[in-house]
Amino acid sequence: MILADTSVFVEFFRGNPAVQELQDSIVDNEVILHSLVELELALGGLRPEIAELLKVLPRCESIADSTLLDFINFRNLAGKGVGYVDCQILAASLANGYQLWTMDRKLSRLSKSLA
């Protein structure tokens, strides 16, 4: 499964050709949506048809904060410039064996270094 972060969805909705394969991955049932990505997209103002699209995707829920704190300490992530949402997405992708897809270079490098 592919866990796409907010940046991938934003670029997809903008029509960026770099992420157009997201559509095929969604059709092939290969994309899972993190609940925090859905919330970030909602805060950005979703058109009704996009909100409907997101409703059909399988969900990945957040990691418990106590578990996330253990993850941060174990992986030595303090001071690495990763925020709460990105840390949640990163932890969820690693914990569940999902491939993380992001347009964020820092998060991408971090994900590859921890995999």
C-alpha atoms as a PDB file:
ATOM      1  CA  MET A   1       0.000   0.000   0.000  1.00  0.00           C
ATOM      2  CA  ILE A   2       1.024   3.577  -0.644  1.00  0.00           C
ATOM      3  CA  LEU A   3       0.574   6.191   2.059  1.00  0.00           C
ATOM      4  CA  ALA A   4       0.469   9.520   0.222  1.00  0.00           C
ATOM      5  CA  ASP A   5       1.005  12.635   2.282  1.00  0.00           C
ATOM      6  CA  THR A   6      -0.800  15.950   1.911  1.00  0.00           C
ATOM      7  CA  SER A   7       1.747  17.362  -0.540  1.00  0.00           C
ATOM      8  CA  VAL A   8       1.084  14.554  -3.025  1.00  0.00           C
ATOM      9  CA  PHE A   9      -2.684  15.094  -2.934  1.00  0.00           C
ATOM     10  CA  VAL A  10      -2.301  18.874  -3.266  1.00  0.00           C
ATOM     11  CA  GLU A  11      -0.047  18.492  -6.304  1.00  0.00           C
ATOM     12  CA  PHE A  12      -2.392  15.881  -7.777  1.00  0.00           C
ATOM     13  CA  PHE A  13      -5.397  18.203  -7.452  1.00  0.00           C
ATOM     14  CA  ARG A  14      -3.325  20.995  -9.047  1.00  0.00           C
ATOM     15  CA  GLY A  15      -2.665  18.749 -12.044  1.00  0.00           C
ATOM     16  CA  ASN A  16       1.074  18.310 -11.472  1.00  0.00           C
ATOM     17  CA  PRO A  17       2.184  15.614 -13.948  1.00  0.00           C
ATOM     18  CA  ALA A  18       4.781  14.355 -11.441  1.00  0.00           C
ATOM     19  CA  VAL A  19       2.002  12.791  -9.352  1.00  0.00           C
ATOM     20  CA  GLN A  20      -0.595  11.873 -11.965  1.00  0.00           C
ATOM     21  CA  GLU A  21       0.078   8.179 -11.350  1.00  0.00           C
ATOM     22  CA  LEU A  22      -1.763   8.695  -8.055  1.00  0.00           C
ATOM     23  CA  GLN A  23      -5.008   8.323 -10.001  1.00  0.00           C
ATOM     24  CA  ASP A  24      -3.998   4.874 -11.269  1.00  0.00           C
ATOM     25  CA  SER A  25      -2.879   3.864  -7.791  1.00  0.00           C
ATOM     26  CA  ILE A  26      -6.250   4.944  -6.363  1.00  0.00           C
ATOM     27  CA  VAL A  27      -8.133   3.013  -9.056  1.00  0.00           C
ATOM     28  CA  ASP A  28      -5.950  -0.035  -8.347  1.00  0.00           C
ATOM     29  CA  ASN A  29      -6.806   0.252  -4.625  1.00  0.00           C
ATOM     30  CA  GLU A  30      -3.162   0.815  -3.682  1.00  0.00           C
ATOM     31  CA  VAL A  31      -3.535   4.103  -1.773  1.00  0.00           C
ATOM     32  CA  ILE A  32      -4.334   4.459   1.893  1.00  0.00           C
ATOM     33  CA  LEU A  33      -5.297   7.814   3.399  1.00  0.00           C
ATOM     34  CA  HIS A  34      -3.969   8.906   6.780  1.00  0.00           C
ATOM     35  CA  SER A  35      -6.660  10.586   8.870  1.00  0.00           C
ATOM     36  CA  LEU A  36      -4.402  13.624   9.450  1.00  0.00           C
ATOM     37  CA  VAL A  37      -3.849  14.063   5.704  1.00  0.00           C
ATOM     38  CA  GLU A  38      -7.616  14.119   5.234  1.00  0.00           C
ATOM     39  CA  LEU A  39      -7.922  16.760   7.955  1.00  0.00           C
ATOM     40  CA  GLU A  40      -5.160  18.903   6.433  1.00  0.00           C
ATOM     41  CA  LEU A  41      -6.863  18.703   3.045  1.00  0.00           C
ATOM     42  CA  ALA A  42     -10.211  19.631   4.623  1.00  0.00           C
ATOM     43  CA  LEU A  43      -8.630  22.689   6.221  1.00  0.00           C
ATOM     44  CA  GLY A  44      -7.382  23.708   2.786  1.00  0.00           C
ATOM     45  CA  GLY A  45     -10.958  23.785   1.498  1.00  0.00           C
ATOM     46  CA  LEU A  46     -12.077  20.741  -0.441  1.00  0.00           C
ATOM     47  CA  ARG A  47     -14.429  20.812  -3.369  1.00  0.00           C
ATOM     48  CA  PRO A  48     -17.341  18.395  -2.807  1.00  0.00           C
ATOM     49  CA  GLU A  49     -16.185  15.987  -5.531  1.00  0.00           C
ATOM     50  CA  ILE A  50     -12.741  15.729  -3.941  1.00  0.00           C
ATOM     51  CA  ALA A  51     -14.243  15.130  -0.506  1.00  0.00           C
ATOM     52  CA  GLU A  52     -16.284  12.303  -2.054  1.00  0.00           C
ATOM     53  CA  LEU A  53     -13.163  10.786  -3.612  1.00  0.00           C
ATOM     54  CA  LEU A  54     -11.390  10.789  -0.260  1.00  0.00           C
ATOM     55  CA  LYS A  55     -14.327   9.043   1.432  1.00  0.00           C
ATOM     56  CA  VAL A  56     -13.772   5.863  -0.597  1.00  0.00           C
ATOM     57  CA  LEU A  57     -10.103   5.467   0.319  1.00  0.00           C
ATOM     58  CA  PRO A  58      -9.115   3.072   3.095  1.00  0.00           C
ATOM     59  CA  ARG A  59      -7.898   4.818   6.244  1.00  0.00           C
ATOM     60  CA  CYS A  60      -4.755   4.739   8.313  1.00  0.00           C
ATOM     61  CA  GLU A  61      -5.291   6.109  11.782  1.00  0.00           C
ATOM     62  CA  SER A  62      -2.820   8.039  13.900  1.00  0.00           C
ATOM     63  CA  ILE A  63      -0.315   6.357  16.160  1.00  0.00           C
ATOM     64  CA  ALA A  64      -0.986   6.875  19.884  1.00  0.00           C
ATOM     65  CA  ASP A  65       0.966   9.867  21.180  1.00  0.00           C
ATOM     66  CA  SER A  66       2.807   7.745  23.763  1.00  0.00           C
ATOM     67  CA  THR A  67       3.894   5.346  21.007  1.00  0.00           C
ATOM     68  CA  LEU A  68       4.852   8.266  18.789  1.00  0.00           C
ATOM     69  CA  LEU A  69       7.003   9.707  21.572  1.00  0.00           C
ATOM     70  CA  ASP A  70       8.786   6.355  21.863  1.00  0.00           C
ATOM     71  CA  PHE A  71       9.271   6.384  18.075  1.00  0.00           C
ATOM     72  CA  ILE A  72      10.730   9.921  18.199  1.00  0.00           C
ATOM     73  CA  ASN A  73      13.148   8.950  20.961  1.00  0.00           C
ATOM     74  CA  PHE A  74      14.127   5.581  19.447  1.00  0.00           C
ATOM     75  CA  ARG A  75      14.715   7.076  15.985  1.00  0.00           C
ATOM     76  CA  ASN A  76      16.419  10.184  17.410  1.00  0.00           C
ATOM     77  CA  LEU A  77      14.053  12.553  15.560  1.00  0.00           C
ATOM     78  CA  ALA A  78      14.160  15.468  18.001  1.00  0.00           C
ATOM     79  CA  GLY A  79      15.574  18.557  16.325  1.00  0.00           C
ATOM     80  CA  LYS A  80      15.442  17.009  12.844  1.00  0.00           C
ATOM     81  CA  GLY A  81      12.887  19.508  11.560  1.00  0.00           C
ATOM     82  CA  VAL A  82       9.988  17.096  11.271  1.00  0.00           C
ATOM     83  CA  GLY A  83       6.599  18.279  12.524  1.00  0.00           C
ATOM     84  CA  TYR A  84       3.860  16.370  14.294  1.00  0.00           C
ATOM     85  CA  VAL A  85       1.781  15.467  11.232  1.00  0.00           C
ATOM     86  CA  ASP A  86       4.803  14.376   9.202  1.00  0.00           C
ATOM     87  CA  CYS A  87       6.064  12.354  12.160  1.00  0.00           C
ATOM     88  CA  GLN A  88       2.663  10.651  12.454  1.00  0.00           C
ATOM     89  CA  ILE A  89       2.671   9.816   8.746  1.00  0.00           C
ATOM     90  CA  LEU A  90       6.255   8.571   8.884  1.00  0.00           C
ATOM     91  CA  ALA A  91       5.611   6.402  11.946  1.00  0.00           C
ATOM     92  CA  ALA A  92       2.420   4.976  10.439  1.00  0.00           C
ATOM     93  CA  SER A  93       4.163   4.122   7.179  1.00  0.00           C
ATOM     94  CA  LEU A  94       6.992   2.321   8.968  1.00  0.00           C
ATOM     95  CA  ALA A  95       4.744   0.571  11.506  1.00  0.00           C
ATOM     96  CA  ASN A  96       2.403  -0.753   8.810  1.00  0.00           C
ATOM     97  CA  GLY A  97       4.900  -1.425   6.028  1.00  0.00           C
ATOM     98  CA  TYR A  98       3.408   1.220   3.735  1.00  0.00           C
ATOM     99  CA  GLN A  99       5.414   2.963   1.053  1.00  0.00           C
ATOM    100  CA  LEU A 100       5.477   6.688   1.892  1.00  0.00           C
ATOM    101  CA  TRP A 101       4.911   8.992  -1.051  1.00  0.00           C
ATOM    102  CA  THR A 102       5.735  12.642  -0.401  1.00  0.00           C
ATOM    103  CA  MET A 103       6.826  15.712  -2.333  1.00  0.00           C
ATOM    104  CA  ASP A 104       8.619  16.968   0.804  1.00  0.00           C
ATOM    105  CA  ARG A 105      12.345  16.378   0.220  1.00  0.00           C
ATOM    106  CA  LYS A 106      13.267  16.362   3.903  1.00  0.00           C
ATOM    107  CA  LEU A 107      10.537  13.865   4.786  1.00  0.00           C
ATOM    108  CA  SER A 108      11.446  11.709   1.787  1.00  0.00           C
ATOM    109  CA  ARG A 109      15.123  11.564   2.802  1.00  0.00           C
ATOM    110  CA  LEU A 110      14.193  10.812   6.398  1.00  0.00           C
ATOM    111  CA  SER A 111      11.802   8.049   5.362  1.00  0.00           C
ATOM    112  CA  LYS A 112      14.435   6.415   3.161  1.00  0.00           C
ATOM    113  CA  SER A 113      17.061   6.622   5.898  1.00  0.00           C
ATOM    114  CA  LEU A 114      14.774   4.916   8.432  1.00  0.00           C
ATOM    115  CA  ALA A 115      13.378   2.198   6.167  1.00  0.00           C
END
